[in-house]
Amino acid sequence: MRIVRDHGRSRQEARAKVDTLLPALLERHGDRLNDAQGAWDDDVFSFAFQAMGFSIKGTLEIDDVVLKLDAGLPLLARPFEGALRTSVERELDRILAE
């Protein structure tokens, strides 16, 4: 699953916004998320977590203009991709608007 969003900020400001994403997701969906991890390597945030029994891994890359989220979904989770995409897009839009 790939999601691209204009961030309209400097890289540093966009990175600060991304830093709020994982804690926000855990706060809102902590009953369905487990083993959440994330780490920065330059302008790429790598993450992994368990959601409803599925392992999700991916990256969120920041450049001068956009955020690019790439997440691998297990085959059994693909029927839920639309709902997951909508939820993630909504959350990214929310943190970027703050």
Protein backbone atom coordinates (compact mmCIF):
# COMPACT_ATOMS: atom_id res chain seq x y z
CA MET A 1 0.00 0.00 0.00
CA ARG A 2 1.42 3.38 -0.99
CA ILE A 3 0.08 6.74 0.18
CA VAL A 4 1.58 10.06 -0.89
CA ARG A 5 0.64 13.37 0.71
CA ASP A 6 1.93 16.92 0.19
CA HIS A 7 3.14 18.17 3.55
CA GLY A 8 3.55 21.89 2.77
CA ARG A 9 6.26 22.27 5.42
CA SER A 10 10.00 22.06 5.83
CA ARG A 11 11.43 18.57 6.24
CA GLN A 12 12.04 19.27 9.93
CA GLU A 13 8.45 20.39 10.49
CA ALA A 14 7.09 17.40 8.57
CA ARG A 15 9.31 15.09 10.61
CA ALA A 16 7.99 16.59 13.85
CA LYS A 17 4.45 15.90 12.62
CA VAL A 18 5.34 12.29 11.76
CA ASP A 19 6.77 11.88 15.26
CA THR A 20 3.23 12.40 16.59
CA LEU A 21 1.71 9.76 14.30
CA LEU A 22 2.64 6.52 16.09
CA PRO A 23 1.64 7.78 19.56
CA ALA A 24 -1.65 9.08 18.12
CA LEU A 25 -2.41 5.74 16.46
CA LEU A 26 -1.63 3.89 19.69
CA GLU A 27 -3.88 6.24 21.65
CA ARG A 28 -6.79 5.84 19.25
CA HIS A 29 -6.35 2.19 18.29
CA GLY A 30 -4.22 0.75 21.09
CA ASP A 31 -6.75 -2.00 21.73
CA ARG A 32 -6.07 -3.32 18.21
CA LEU A 33 -2.34 -2.53 17.88
CA ASN A 34 0.51 -4.41 19.54
CA ASP A 35 4.31 -4.37 19.47
CA ALA A 36 4.51 -0.97 17.76
CA GLN A 37 8.05 0.09 16.89
CA GLY A 38 9.52 2.89 14.87
CA ALA A 39 12.92 4.44 14.15
CA TRP A 40 14.35 7.19 11.96
CA ASP A 41 17.22 6.76 9.50
CA ASP A 42 17.79 10.21 8.02
CA ASP A 43 14.43 11.18 6.49
CA VAL A 44 12.96 7.66 6.48
CA PHE A 45 10.85 6.42 9.39
CA SER A 46 10.68 2.61 9.49
CA PHE A 47 7.82 1.08 11.47
CA ALA A 48 6.35 -2.27 12.41
CA PHE A 49 3.35 -3.35 14.47
CA GLN A 50 0.77 -6.07 14.90
CA ALA A 51 -2.83 -5.18 14.03
CA MET A 52 -5.65 -7.64 14.55
CA GLY A 53 -3.16 -10.50 14.33
CA PHE A 54 -1.44 -9.24 11.17
CA SER A 55 2.18 -8.06 11.02
CA ILE A 56 2.50 -4.72 9.26
CA LYS A 57 5.87 -3.22 8.28
CA GLY A 58 6.68 -0.17 6.27
CA THR A 59 8.39 3.15 5.82
CA LEU A 60 7.39 6.77 5.75
CA GLU A 61 9.80 8.91 3.75
CA ILE A 62 9.92 12.70 3.83
CA ASP A 63 11.28 14.82 1.01
CA ASP A 64 11.00 18.56 0.38
CA VAL A 65 7.39 18.31 -0.82
CA VAL A 66 5.71 15.03 0.11
CA LEU A 67 5.38 12.23 2.63
CA LYS A 68 5.50 8.76 1.05
CA LEU A 69 4.14 5.92 3.11
CA ASP A 70 4.80 2.39 1.91
CA ALA A 71 3.37 -0.47 3.94
CA GLY A 72 3.40 -4.15 3.16
CA LEU A 73 0.18 -5.94 3.91
CA PRO A 74 -0.02 -9.70 4.36
CA LEU A 75 -2.15 -11.49 1.80
CA LEU A 76 -4.90 -12.17 4.34
CA ALA A 77 -5.08 -8.45 5.23
CA ARG A 78 -5.55 -7.28 1.65
CA PRO A 79 -9.36 -7.40 1.81
CA PHE A 80 -9.08 -4.70 4.51
CA GLU A 81 -6.72 -2.48 2.47
CA GLY A 82 -9.44 0.04 1.56
CA ALA A 83 -10.46 0.59 5.17
CA LEU A 84 -6.83 0.72 6.31
CA ARG A 85 -5.95 3.20 3.55
CA THR A 86 -8.86 5.46 4.49
CA SER A 87 -7.91 5.38 8.17
CA VAL A 88 -4.23 6.12 7.49
CA GLU A 89 -5.02 8.89 4.99
CA ARG A 90 -7.37 10.51 7.51
CA GLU A 91 -4.73 10.33 10.25
CA LEU A 92 -1.99 11.76 8.00
CA ASP A 93 -4.29 14.60 6.90
CA ARG A 94 -5.16 15.31 10.54
CA ILE A 95 -1.57 15.54 11.77
CA LEU A 96 -0.48 17.62 8.77
CA ALA A 97 -3.35 20.08 9.33
CA GLU A 98 -2.43 20.69 12.99
